[in-house]
Amino acid sequence: MQISSKAIPLPISNIDTDQIIPAKFLKQVDKLGYGKNLFYSWRYLDNGDSNPEFILNQPERSSAQILIAGNNFGCGSSREHAAWAVADYGIKAIISTQFADIFKGNAYNNGILPIELDKTSVDQLMQKSLDSANVTIEIDLESQEVSCDDINLRQIFDIHPFKKQCLMQGMDETEFLINLRPEIQAYENQRSIPV
């Protein structure tokens, strides 16, 4: 998995799941369609028009697949819909100094790579991306590296080997286990006790 993209810088700490996707939109049971309401309260004005001041509404950011966020991203409730909204919008990776644990797990299970870097690196990426919409960030999951030539940054990030394997294979934990069905069945057959 490799991502080369412009970034969406969002220099706000403690962005909770209700800010990511407000509760009033949690009415459907499938994962599609939530992206249009991502960061709804910031993205739209009271009359429903797009807020031209908000970063997601800037045309030069429309194809960005990397979100750079403040500390403690995804705190608040455990709603998986927050990860659904991020994924449905088209964001493939989020860079922050820290994620709320439940959001981090939901991100992995929805094909989003949550990357935790040190504050200095996140601040540098954030500032450069705020200064210019043309900054490109490269993420290589296999080598576990984030790089940005514009600021001469190369940083290794940590990821649990199982989470990395699932993302590399494009599957969540449940799909991974389902793919092990033949091995599980063979083990059960070997252990079966005659009645």
N, C-alpha and C. Protein backbone atom coordinates (compact mmCIF):
# COMPACT_ATOMS: atom_id res chain seq x y z
N MET A 1 0.85 -1.18 0.00
CA MET A 1 0.00 0.00 0.00
C MET A 1 0.89 1.24 0.00
N GLN A 2 0.74 2.03 -1.04
CA GLN A 2 1.47 3.29 -1.15
C GLN A 2 0.48 4.40 -1.45
N ILE A 3 0.67 5.53 -0.79
CA ILE A 3 -0.20 6.70 -1.00
C ILE A 3 0.71 7.87 -1.31
N SER A 4 0.40 8.56 -2.37
CA SER A 4 1.09 9.80 -2.72
C SER A 4 0.01 10.83 -2.95
N SER A 5 -0.07 11.83 -2.07
CA SER A 5 -1.23 12.71 -2.12
C SER A 5 -0.93 14.07 -1.50
N LYS A 6 -1.74 15.03 -1.90
CA LYS A 6 -1.80 16.29 -1.18
C LYS A 6 -2.47 16.00 0.17
N ALA A 7 -2.45 16.98 1.05
CA ALA A 7 -2.98 16.75 2.39
C ALA A 7 -4.09 17.73 2.72
N ILE A 8 -4.91 17.32 3.68
CA ILE A 8 -5.93 18.18 4.28
C ILE A 8 -5.44 18.47 5.70
N PRO A 9 -4.88 19.67 5.94
CA PRO A 9 -4.42 19.99 7.29
C PRO A 9 -5.58 20.49 8.15
N LEU A 10 -5.73 19.92 9.31
CA LEU A 10 -6.82 20.29 10.23
C LEU A 10 -6.19 20.46 11.62
N PRO A 11 -5.65 21.65 11.90
CA PRO A 11 -4.88 21.86 13.13
C PRO A 11 -5.77 22.08 14.35
N ILE A 12 -6.56 21.08 14.66
CA ILE A 12 -7.48 21.14 15.80
C ILE A 12 -7.27 19.88 16.63
N SER A 13 -7.06 20.04 17.93
CA SER A 13 -6.91 18.89 18.82
C SER A 13 -8.27 18.43 19.32
N ASN A 14 -8.33 17.17 19.74
CA ASN A 14 -9.53 16.59 20.36
C ASN A 14 -10.76 16.64 19.45
N ILE A 15 -10.57 16.37 18.17
CA ILE A 15 -11.71 16.29 17.26
C ILE A 15 -12.45 15.00 17.59
N ASP A 16 -13.69 15.15 18.04
CA ASP A 16 -14.43 13.95 18.48
C ASP A 16 -15.29 13.40 17.35
N THR A 17 -15.84 12.22 17.61
CA THR A 17 -16.58 11.52 16.56
C THR A 17 -17.85 12.27 16.16
N ASP A 18 -18.40 13.09 17.04
CA ASP A 18 -19.59 13.87 16.68
C ASP A 18 -19.23 15.02 15.76
N GLN A 19 -18.01 15.51 15.85
CA GLN A 19 -17.55 16.53 14.90
C GLN A 19 -17.21 15.87 13.56
N ILE A 20 -16.72 14.65 13.62
CA ILE A 20 -16.40 13.93 12.38
C ILE A 20 -17.69 13.60 11.62
N ILE A 21 -18.68 13.04 12.31
CA ILE A 21 -20.00 12.77 11.70
C ILE A 21 -21.06 12.98 12.78
N PRO A 22 -21.84 14.05 12.69
CA PRO A 22 -22.85 14.33 13.72
C PRO A 22 -23.88 13.20 13.85
N ALA A 23 -24.37 13.03 15.06
CA ALA A 23 -25.30 11.94 15.38
C ALA A 23 -26.55 11.95 14.52
N LYS A 24 -26.99 13.12 14.08
CA LYS A 24 -28.24 13.19 13.30
C LYS A 24 -28.15 12.46 11.96
N PHE A 25 -26.92 12.10 11.55
CA PHE A 25 -26.75 11.40 10.27
C PHE A 25 -26.60 9.89 10.43
N LEU A 26 -26.72 9.39 11.64
CA LEU A 26 -26.46 7.96 11.87
C LEU A 26 -27.73 7.14 11.68
N LYS A 27 -28.33 7.23 10.51
CA LYS A 27 -29.63 6.59 10.28
C LYS A 27 -29.56 5.40 9.34
N GLN A 28 -28.45 5.21 8.67
CA GLN A 28 -28.37 4.10 7.73
C GLN A 28 -27.41 3.05 8.26
N VAL A 29 -27.58 1.84 7.79
CA VAL A 29 -26.80 0.73 8.32
C VAL A 29 -25.65 0.28 7.41
N ASP A 30 -25.60 0.82 6.19
CA ASP A 30 -24.44 0.49 5.35
C ASP A 30 -23.42 1.63 5.43
N LYS A 31 -22.24 1.40 4.87
CA LYS A 31 -21.13 2.32 5.03
C LYS A 31 -21.11 3.44 4.00
N LEU A 32 -21.93 3.37 2.98
CA LEU A 32 -21.86 4.32 1.88
C LEU A 32 -22.70 5.57 2.13
N GLY A 33 -22.21 6.69 1.64
CA GLY A 33 -22.98 7.92 1.69
C GLY A 33 -22.65 8.84 2.85
N TYR A 34 -21.79 8.41 3.75
CA TYR A 34 -21.47 9.24 4.91
C TYR A 34 -20.46 10.34 4.58
N GLY A 35 -19.69 10.16 3.52
CA GLY A 35 -18.64 11.13 3.19
C GLY A 35 -19.14 12.53 2.95
N LYS A 36 -20.34 12.65 2.41
CA LYS A 36 -20.87 14.00 2.11
C LYS A 36 -21.16 14.79 3.38
N ASN A 37 -21.25 14.09 4.52
CA ASN A 37 -21.53 14.77 5.79
C ASN A 37 -20.33 14.79 6.74
N LEU A 38 -19.16 14.41 6.23
CA LEU A 38 -17.94 14.46 7.03
C LEU A 38 -17.68 15.90 7.49
N PHE A 39 -17.44 16.09 8.78
CA PHE A 39 -17.20 17.40 9.38
C PHE A 39 -18.33 18.39 9.05
N TYR A 40 -19.55 17.89 9.06
CA TYR A 40 -20.71 18.65 8.59
C TYR A 40 -20.81 20.04 9.23
N SER A 41 -20.67 20.12 10.55
CA SER A 41 -20.88 21.41 11.24
C SER A 41 -19.85 22.45 10.84
N TRP A 42 -18.69 22.05 10.40
CA TRP A 42 -17.67 22.99 9.95
C TRP A 42 -17.75 23.20 8.45
N ARG A 43 -18.21 22.20 7.76
CA ARG A 43 -18.17 22.19 6.30
C ARG A 43 -19.32 22.97 5.66
N TYR A 44 -20.42 23.08 6.39
CA TYR A 44 -21.61 23.75 5.84
C TYR A 44 -22.07 24.89 6.74
N LEU A 45 -22.64 25.91 6.12
CA LEU A 45 -23.22 27.03 6.85
C LEU A 45 -24.61 26.65 7.34
N ASP A 46 -25.20 27.48 8.19
CA ASP A 46 -26.52 27.19 8.76
C ASP A 46 -27.59 27.01 7.68
N ASN A 47 -27.43 27.69 6.54
CA ASN A 47 -28.43 27.58 5.46
C ASN A 47 -28.16 26.37 4.56
N GLY A 48 -27.13 25.58 4.87
CA GLY A 48 -26.83 24.38 4.08
C GLY A 48 -25.80 24.58 2.98
N ASP A 49 -25.44 25.84 2.72
CA ASP A 49 -24.41 26.11 1.71
C ASP A 49 -23.03 25.69 2.21
N SER A 50 -22.14 25.40 1.30
CA SER A 50 -20.77 25.07 1.67
C SER A 50 -20.10 26.28 2.31
N ASN A 51 -19.34 26.02 3.35
CA ASN A 51 -18.57 27.07 4.01
C ASN A 51 -17.25 27.24 3.25
N PRO A 52 -17.07 28.34 2.52
CA PRO A 52 -15.86 28.50 1.70
C PRO A 52 -14.59 28.58 2.53
N GLU A 53 -14.73 28.87 3.82
CA GLU A 53 -13.56 28.98 4.70
C GLU A 53 -13.01 27.62 5.12
N PHE A 54 -13.86 26.58 5.06
CA PHE A 54 -13.42 25.28 5.58
C PHE A 54 -12.56 24.55 4.55
N ILE A 55 -11.51 23.93 5.03
CA ILE A 55 -10.48 23.34 4.17
C ILE A 55 -11.00 22.29 3.19
N LEU A 56 -12.00 21.50 3.59
CA LEU A 56 -12.53 20.47 2.68
C LEU A 56 -13.24 21.08 1.48
N ASN A 57 -13.65 22.33 1.58
CA ASN A 57 -14.37 22.98 0.50
C ASN A 57 -13.46 23.74 -0.45
N GLN A 58 -12.16 23.69 -0.23
CA GLN A 58 -11.23 24.35 -1.13
C GLN A 58 -10.94 23.42 -2.30
N PRO A 59 -11.20 23.85 -3.53
CA PRO A 59 -11.06 22.97 -4.70
C PRO A 59 -9.70 22.29 -4.81
N GLU A 60 -8.64 22.98 -4.41
CA GLU A 60 -7.30 22.40 -4.53
C GLU A 60 -7.05 21.25 -3.55
N ARG A 61 -7.96 21.06 -2.60
CA ARG A 61 -7.83 19.96 -1.63
C ARG A 61 -8.78 18.80 -1.96
N SER A 62 -9.58 18.94 -3.00
CA SER A 62 -10.67 17.99 -3.25
C SER A 62 -10.21 16.55 -3.49
N SER A 63 -9.01 16.37 -4.00
CA SER A 63 -8.57 15.00 -4.28
C SER A 63 -7.60 14.47 -3.22
N ALA A 64 -7.40 15.22 -2.14
CA ALA A 64 -6.45 14.81 -1.11
C ALA A 64 -6.92 13.55 -0.39
N GLN A 65 -5.98 12.64 -0.16
CA GLN A 65 -6.29 11.36 0.49
C GLN A 65 -5.64 11.23 1.86
N ILE A 66 -4.94 12.28 2.30
CA ILE A 66 -4.26 12.25 3.59
C ILE A 66 -4.78 13.40 4.44
N LEU A 67 -5.20 13.09 5.65
CA LEU A 67 -5.64 14.09 6.61
C LEU A 67 -4.55 14.23 7.67
N ILE A 68 -4.17 15.47 7.96
CA ILE A 68 -3.25 15.73 9.07
C ILE A 68 -4.07 16.41 10.16
N ALA A 69 -4.13 15.78 11.33
CA ALA A 69 -5.02 16.26 12.39
C ALA A 69 -4.25 16.56 13.67
N GLY A 70 -4.88 17.35 14.53
CA GLY A 70 -4.32 17.63 15.85
C GLY A 70 -4.36 16.40 16.73
N ASN A 71 -3.82 16.54 17.93
CA ASN A 71 -3.71 15.45 18.88
C ASN A 71 -5.08 14.90 19.29
N ASN A 72 -5.11 13.61 19.58
CA ASN A 72 -6.29 12.92 20.12
C ASN A 72 -7.46 12.90 19.13
N PHE A 73 -7.15 12.60 17.89
CA PHE A 73 -8.19 12.56 16.86
C PHE A 73 -9.12 11.36 17.08
N GLY A 74 -10.43 11.59 16.94
CA GLY A 74 -11.42 10.52 17.03
C GLY A 74 -11.86 10.19 18.44
N CYS A 75 -11.68 11.12 19.36
CA CYS A 75 -12.12 10.87 20.73
C CYS A 75 -13.65 10.97 20.79
N GLY A 76 -14.21 10.76 21.97
CA GLY A 76 -15.67 10.84 22.12
C GLY A 76 -16.30 9.47 22.08
N SER A 77 -17.40 9.35 21.36
CA SER A 77 -18.15 8.09 21.34
C SER A 77 -17.43 7.06 20.48
N SER A 78 -17.92 5.83 20.57
CA SER A 78 -17.27 4.73 19.84
C SER A 78 -17.87 4.50 18.47
N ARG A 79 -18.67 5.42 17.96
CA ARG A 79 -19.36 5.18 16.68
C ARG A 79 -18.42 4.89 15.52
N GLU A 80 -18.64 3.74 14.90
CA GLU A 80 -17.83 3.35 13.75
C GLU A 80 -18.17 4.22 12.54
N HIS A 81 -19.32 4.87 12.59
CA HIS A 81 -19.73 5.74 11.47
C HIS A 81 -18.69 6.82 11.19
N ALA A 82 -17.92 7.23 12.21
CA ALA A 82 -16.89 8.25 11.99
C ALA A 82 -15.84 7.74 11.00
N ALA A 83 -15.41 6.50 11.19
CA ALA A 83 -14.46 5.92 10.24
C ALA A 83 -15.12 5.71 8.88
N TRP A 84 -16.40 5.34 8.88
CA TRP A 84 -17.12 5.17 7.61
C TRP A 84 -17.12 6.48 6.83
N ALA A 85 -17.36 7.61 7.51
CA ALA A 85 -17.42 8.91 6.85
C ALA A 85 -16.06 9.29 6.27
N VAL A 86 -15.01 9.06 7.05
CA VAL A 86 -13.65 9.38 6.58
C VAL A 86 -13.32 8.55 5.34
N ALA A 87 -13.60 7.24 5.40
CA ALA A 87 -13.30 6.35 4.27
C ALA A 87 -14.16 6.69 3.06
N ASP A 88 -15.44 6.96 3.27
CA ASP A 88 -16.34 7.25 2.15
C ASP A 88 -15.96 8.55 1.46
N TYR A 89 -15.40 9.49 2.20
CA TYR A 89 -14.94 10.74 1.60
C TYR A 89 -13.73 10.49 0.68
N GLY A 90 -12.95 9.45 0.99
CA GLY A 90 -11.79 9.13 0.16
C GLY A 90 -10.46 9.30 0.86
N ILE A 91 -10.49 9.54 2.17
CA ILE A 91 -9.25 9.67 2.93
C ILE A 91 -8.72 8.27 3.23
N LYS A 92 -7.45 8.05 2.89
CA LYS A 92 -6.84 6.72 3.06
C LYS A 92 -5.89 6.66 4.25
N ALA A 93 -5.43 7.82 4.73
CA ALA A 93 -4.52 7.85 5.87
C ALA A 93 -4.74 9.13 6.67
N ILE A 94 -4.54 9.01 7.98
CA ILE A 94 -4.61 10.16 8.88
C ILE A 94 -3.31 10.19 9.66
N ILE A 95 -2.71 11.36 9.73
CA ILE A 95 -1.48 11.55 10.49
C ILE A 95 -1.79 12.44 11.68
N SER A 96 -1.41 11.98 12.86
CA SER A 96 -1.61 12.75 14.09
C SER A 96 -0.56 12.32 15.11
N THR A 97 -0.54 12.99 16.24
CA THR A 97 0.35 12.57 17.31
C THR A 97 -0.28 11.48 18.15
N GLN A 98 -1.63 11.40 18.13
CA GLN A 98 -2.33 10.38 18.92
C GLN A 98 -3.76 10.25 18.42
N PHE A 99 -4.27 9.01 18.49
CA PHE A 99 -5.67 8.71 18.14
C PHE A 99 -6.37 8.12 19.36
N ALA A 100 -7.66 8.35 19.44
CA ALA A 100 -8.46 7.62 20.42
C ALA A 100 -8.44 6.15 20.03
N ASP A 101 -8.30 5.26 21.01
CA ASP A 101 -8.10 3.84 20.73
C ASP A 101 -9.21 3.22 19.89
N ILE A 102 -10.47 3.51 20.23
CA ILE A 102 -11.58 2.88 19.50
C ILE A 102 -11.62 3.39 18.06
N PHE A 103 -11.43 4.70 17.87
CA PHE A 103 -11.40 5.22 16.50
C PHE A 103 -10.26 4.58 15.71
N LYS A 104 -9.11 4.43 16.35
CA LYS A 104 -7.96 3.83 15.67
C LYS A 104 -8.28 2.43 15.18
N GLY A 105 -8.92 1.62 16.03
CA GLY A 105 -9.33 0.28 15.62
C GLY A 105 -10.34 0.30 14.50
N ASN A 106 -11.31 1.22 14.59
CA ASN A 106 -12.31 1.35 13.53
C ASN A 106 -11.67 1.79 12.21
N ALA A 107 -10.67 2.65 12.31
CA ALA A 107 -9.97 3.11 11.10
C ALA A 107 -9.32 1.92 10.39
N TYR A 108 -8.57 1.13 11.14
CA TYR A 108 -7.93 -0.05 10.55
C TYR A 108 -8.96 -0.95 9.87
N ASN A 109 -10.07 -1.19 10.55
CA ASN A 109 -11.08 -2.11 10.02
C ASN A 109 -11.84 -1.54 8.82
N ASN A 110 -11.62 -0.27 8.52
CA ASN A 110 -12.27 0.34 7.36
C ASN A 110 -11.25 0.80 6.32
N GLY A 111 -10.05 0.21 6.39
CA GLY A 111 -9.06 0.47 5.35
C GLY A 111 -8.35 1.80 5.44
N ILE A 112 -8.43 2.46 6.60
CA ILE A 112 -7.76 3.74 6.81
C ILE A 112 -6.52 3.50 7.64
N LEU A 113 -5.40 4.08 7.24
CA LEU A 113 -4.14 3.92 7.96
C LEU A 113 -3.96 5.08 8.93
N PRO A 114 -4.09 4.84 10.26
CA PRO A 114 -3.82 5.89 11.24
C PRO A 114 -2.33 5.89 11.60
N ILE A 115 -1.65 6.99 11.35
CA ILE A 115 -0.21 7.07 11.58
C ILE A 115 0.07 8.05 12.71
N GLU A 116 0.76 7.56 13.73
CA GLU A 116 1.16 8.42 14.84
C GLU A 116 2.63 8.78 14.67
N LEU A 117 2.91 10.08 14.62
CA LEU A 117 4.28 10.58 14.53
C LEU A 117 4.54 11.53 15.69
N ASP A 118 5.79 11.87 15.91
CA ASP A 118 6.13 12.81 16.97
C ASP A 118 5.59 14.19 16.64
N LYS A 119 5.42 15.03 17.66
CA LYS A 119 4.79 16.34 17.49
C LYS A 119 5.55 17.23 16.52
N THR A 120 6.87 17.19 16.56
CA THR A 120 7.66 18.03 15.65
C THR A 120 7.37 17.68 14.19
N SER A 121 7.32 16.40 13.87
CA SER A 121 7.05 15.97 12.49
C SER A 121 5.64 16.35 12.06
N VAL A 122 4.66 16.12 12.95
CA VAL A 122 3.27 16.47 12.62
C VAL A 122 3.15 17.98 12.42
N ASP A 123 3.77 18.76 13.29
CA ASP A 123 3.72 20.22 13.16
C ASP A 123 4.34 20.68 11.85
N GLN A 124 5.46 20.07 11.46
CA GLN A 124 6.11 20.45 10.20
C GLN A 124 5.22 20.12 9.00
N LEU A 125 4.65 18.92 8.99
CA LEU A 125 3.75 18.53 7.90
C LEU A 125 2.51 19.42 7.87
N MET A 126 1.97 19.71 9.05
CA MET A 126 0.78 20.56 9.15
C MET A 126 1.06 21.94 8.58
N GLN A 127 2.15 22.57 9.04
CA GLN A 127 2.45 23.94 8.63
C GLN A 127 2.73 24.02 7.13
N LYS A 128 3.51 23.08 6.61
CA LYS A 128 3.83 23.11 5.18
C LYS A 128 2.57 22.90 4.35
N SER A 129 1.66 22.03 4.81
CA SER A 129 0.42 21.78 4.08
C SER A 129 -0.54 22.97 4.18
N LEU A 130 -0.49 23.69 5.30
CA LEU A 130 -1.29 24.92 5.42
C LEU A 130 -0.74 26.00 4.49
N ASP A 131 0.58 26.05 4.37
CA ASP A 131 1.22 27.08 3.54
C ASP A 131 0.98 26.86 2.06
N SER A 132 0.88 25.58 1.66
CA SER A 132 0.72 25.28 0.23
C SER A 132 -0.12 24.03 0.03
N ALA A 133 -1.13 24.14 -0.83
CA ALA A 133 -1.98 22.98 -1.14
C ALA A 133 -1.28 22.01 -2.07
N ASN A 134 -0.13 22.39 -2.62
CA ASN A 134 0.56 21.55 -3.59
C ASN A 134 1.59 20.62 -2.96
N VAL A 135 1.74 20.66 -1.66
CA VAL A 135 2.70 19.79 -0.98
C VAL A 135 2.23 18.35 -1.10
N THR A 136 3.14 17.47 -1.46
CA THR A 136 2.82 16.05 -1.59
C THR A 136 3.47 15.27 -0.46
N ILE A 137 2.69 14.38 0.12
CA ILE A 137 3.18 13.50 1.18
C ILE A 137 3.14 12.08 0.63
N GLU A 138 4.20 11.33 0.88
CA GLU A 138 4.30 9.94 0.44
C GLU A 138 4.21 9.03 1.66
N ILE A 139 3.40 8.00 1.56
CA ILE A 139 3.29 7.00 2.62
C ILE A 139 3.52 5.64 2.00
N ASP A 140 4.45 4.90 2.57
CA ASP A 140 4.75 3.54 2.14
C ASP A 140 4.50 2.62 3.32
N LEU A 141 3.40 1.87 3.25
CA LEU A 141 3.05 0.99 4.36
C LEU A 141 4.06 -0.14 4.52
N GLU A 142 4.54 -0.68 3.40
CA GLU A 142 5.46 -1.80 3.50
C GLU A 142 6.73 -1.43 4.27
N SER A 143 7.29 -0.27 3.97
CA SER A 143 8.50 0.16 4.69
C SER A 143 8.17 0.98 5.93
N GLN A 144 6.88 1.24 6.14
CA GLN A 144 6.38 2.00 7.30
C GLN A 144 7.04 3.38 7.38
N GLU A 145 7.00 4.08 6.24
CA GLU A 145 7.66 5.38 6.17
C GLU A 145 6.73 6.46 5.62
N VAL A 146 6.79 7.62 6.25
CA VAL A 146 6.14 8.84 5.76
C VAL A 146 7.25 9.76 5.29
N SER A 147 7.09 10.33 4.11
CA SER A 147 8.11 11.25 3.62
C SER A 147 7.46 12.45 2.95
N CYS A 148 8.18 13.56 3.01
CA CYS A 148 7.74 14.79 2.34
C CYS A 148 9.00 15.53 1.89
N ASP A 149 9.26 15.51 0.60
CA ASP A 149 10.48 16.12 0.06
C ASP A 149 10.50 17.62 0.28
N ASP A 150 9.32 18.25 0.34
CA ASP A 150 9.25 19.71 0.51
C ASP A 150 9.88 20.18 1.81
N ILE A 151 9.88 19.33 2.82
CA ILE A 151 10.50 19.70 4.10
C ILE A 151 11.61 18.72 4.48
N ASN A 152 12.02 17.91 3.50
CA ASN A 152 13.10 16.95 3.71
C ASN A 152 12.82 16.05 4.93
N LEU A 153 11.59 15.56 5.00
CA LEU A 153 11.19 14.72 6.14
C LEU A 153 11.08 13.27 5.73
N ARG A 154 11.63 12.41 6.55
CA ARG A 154 11.48 10.96 6.40
C ARG A 154 11.30 10.41 7.80
N GLN A 155 10.15 9.79 8.05
CA GLN A 155 9.87 9.27 9.38
C GLN A 155 9.31 7.86 9.29
N ILE A 156 9.82 6.99 10.14
CA ILE A 156 9.29 5.63 10.27
C ILE A 156 8.16 5.66 11.28
N PHE A 157 7.08 4.93 11.01
CA PHE A 157 5.97 4.85 11.96
C PHE A 157 5.77 3.40 12.39
N ASP A 158 5.21 3.24 13.58
CA ASP A 158 4.93 1.91 14.12
C ASP A 158 3.54 1.45 13.69
N ILE A 159 3.40 0.16 13.50
CA ILE A 159 2.09 -0.44 13.24
C ILE A 159 2.17 -1.90 13.67
N HIS A 160 1.11 -2.38 14.25
CA HIS A 160 1.06 -3.78 14.66
C HIS A 160 1.14 -4.66 13.40
N PRO A 161 1.96 -5.71 13.42
CA PRO A 161 2.14 -6.54 12.22
C PRO A 161 0.84 -7.10 11.65
N PHE A 162 -0.10 -7.48 12.52
CA PHE A 162 -1.37 -8.02 12.03
C PHE A 162 -2.19 -6.95 11.32
N LYS A 163 -2.21 -5.74 11.88
CA LYS A 163 -2.94 -4.63 11.23
C LYS A 163 -2.30 -4.31 9.88
N LYS A 164 -0.99 -4.33 9.85
CA LYS A 164 -0.27 -4.07 8.61
C LYS A 164 -0.62 -5.12 7.56
N GLN A 165 -0.62 -6.38 7.96
CA GLN A 165 -0.94 -7.46 7.03
C GLN A 165 -2.35 -7.30 6.46
N CYS A 166 -3.31 -6.97 7.32
CA CYS A 166 -4.69 -6.78 6.86
C CYS A 166 -4.78 -5.64 5.85
N LEU A 167 -4.14 -4.50 6.16
CA LEU A 167 -4.18 -3.37 5.25
C LEU A 167 -3.48 -3.69 3.93
N MET A 168 -2.35 -4.39 4.01
CA MET A 168 -1.62 -4.74 2.79
C MET A 168 -2.45 -5.66 1.90
N GLN A 169 -3.28 -6.51 2.52
CA GLN A 169 -4.11 -7.44 1.77
C GLN A 169 -5.50 -6.88 1.48
N GLY A 170 -5.77 -5.66 1.96
CA GLY A 170 -7.06 -5.02 1.70
C GLY A 170 -8.24 -5.69 2.36
N MET A 171 -8.05 -6.15 3.60
CA MET A 171 -9.15 -6.82 4.30
C MET A 171 -9.19 -6.39 5.75
N ASP A 172 -10.38 -6.56 6.36
CA ASP A 172 -10.49 -6.29 7.79
C ASP A 172 -10.27 -7.60 8.56
N GLU A 173 -10.36 -7.52 9.89
CA GLU A 173 -10.06 -8.70 10.72
C GLU A 173 -11.02 -9.85 10.43
N THR A 174 -12.29 -9.53 10.22
CA THR A 174 -13.28 -10.58 9.96
C THR A 174 -12.98 -11.29 8.65
N GLU A 175 -12.67 -10.52 7.61
CA GLU A 175 -12.33 -11.14 6.32
C GLU A 175 -11.07 -12.00 6.44
N PHE A 176 -10.12 -11.54 7.24
CA PHE A 176 -8.90 -12.32 7.46
C PHE A 176 -9.24 -13.69 8.06
N LEU A 177 -10.12 -13.68 9.07
CA LEU A 177 -10.51 -14.94 9.71
C LEU A 177 -11.31 -15.83 8.77
N ILE A 178 -12.18 -15.22 7.98
CA ILE A 178 -12.97 -16.01 7.02
C ILE A 178 -12.04 -16.72 6.03
N ASN A 179 -10.97 -16.05 5.63
CA ASN A 179 -10.01 -16.67 4.71
C ASN A 179 -9.26 -17.83 5.33
N LEU A 180 -9.29 -17.92 6.66
CA LEU A 180 -8.64 -19.03 7.35
C LEU A 180 -9.58 -20.22 7.56
N ARG A 181 -10.77 -20.13 7.01
CA ARG A 181 -11.77 -21.18 7.22
C ARG A 181 -11.25 -22.60 6.88
N PRO A 182 -10.56 -22.80 5.76
CA PRO A 182 -10.06 -24.15 5.47
C PRO A 182 -9.12 -24.68 6.56
N GLU A 183 -8.21 -23.82 7.05
CA GLU A 183 -7.29 -24.24 8.10
C GLU A 183 -8.03 -24.53 9.40
N ILE A 184 -9.03 -23.69 9.70
CA ILE A 184 -9.83 -23.90 10.92
C ILE A 184 -10.60 -25.22 10.82
N GLN A 185 -11.18 -25.47 9.66
CA GLN A 185 -11.95 -26.70 9.46
C GLN A 185 -11.04 -27.93 9.56
N ALA A 186 -9.85 -27.84 8.97
CA ALA A 186 -8.91 -28.96 9.04
C ALA A 186 -8.50 -29.24 10.48
N TYR A 187 -8.29 -28.19 11.25
CA TYR A 187 -7.93 -28.35 12.66
C TYR A 187 -9.08 -28.99 13.44
N GLU A 188 -10.31 -28.51 13.17
CA GLU A 188 -11.48 -29.08 13.86
C GLU A 188 -11.67 -30.55 13.50
N ASN A 189 -11.47 -30.88 12.24
CA ASN A 189 -11.61 -32.27 11.80
C ASN A 189 -10.58 -33.18 12.49
N GLN A 190 -9.38 -32.65 12.63
CA GLN A 190 -8.33 -33.42 13.27
C GLN A 190 -8.61 -33.64 14.74
N ARG A 191 -9.28 -32.70 15.37
CA ARG A 191 -9.54 -32.79 16.80
C ARG A 191 -10.90 -33.41 17.12
N SER A 192 -11.69 -33.69 16.13
CA SER A 192 -13.06 -34.16 16.40
C SER A 192 -13.01 -35.46 17.18
N ILE A 193 -13.91 -35.56 18.13
CA ILE A 193 -13.99 -36.72 19.00
C ILE A 193 -15.19 -37.55 18.59
N PRO A 194 -15.03 -38.84 18.33
CA PRO A 194 -16.17 -39.67 17.94
C PRO A 194 -17.22 -39.72 19.04
N VAL A 195 -18.47 -39.71 18.63
CA VAL A 195 -19.58 -39.79 19.61
C VAL A 195 -19.92 -41.21 19.92
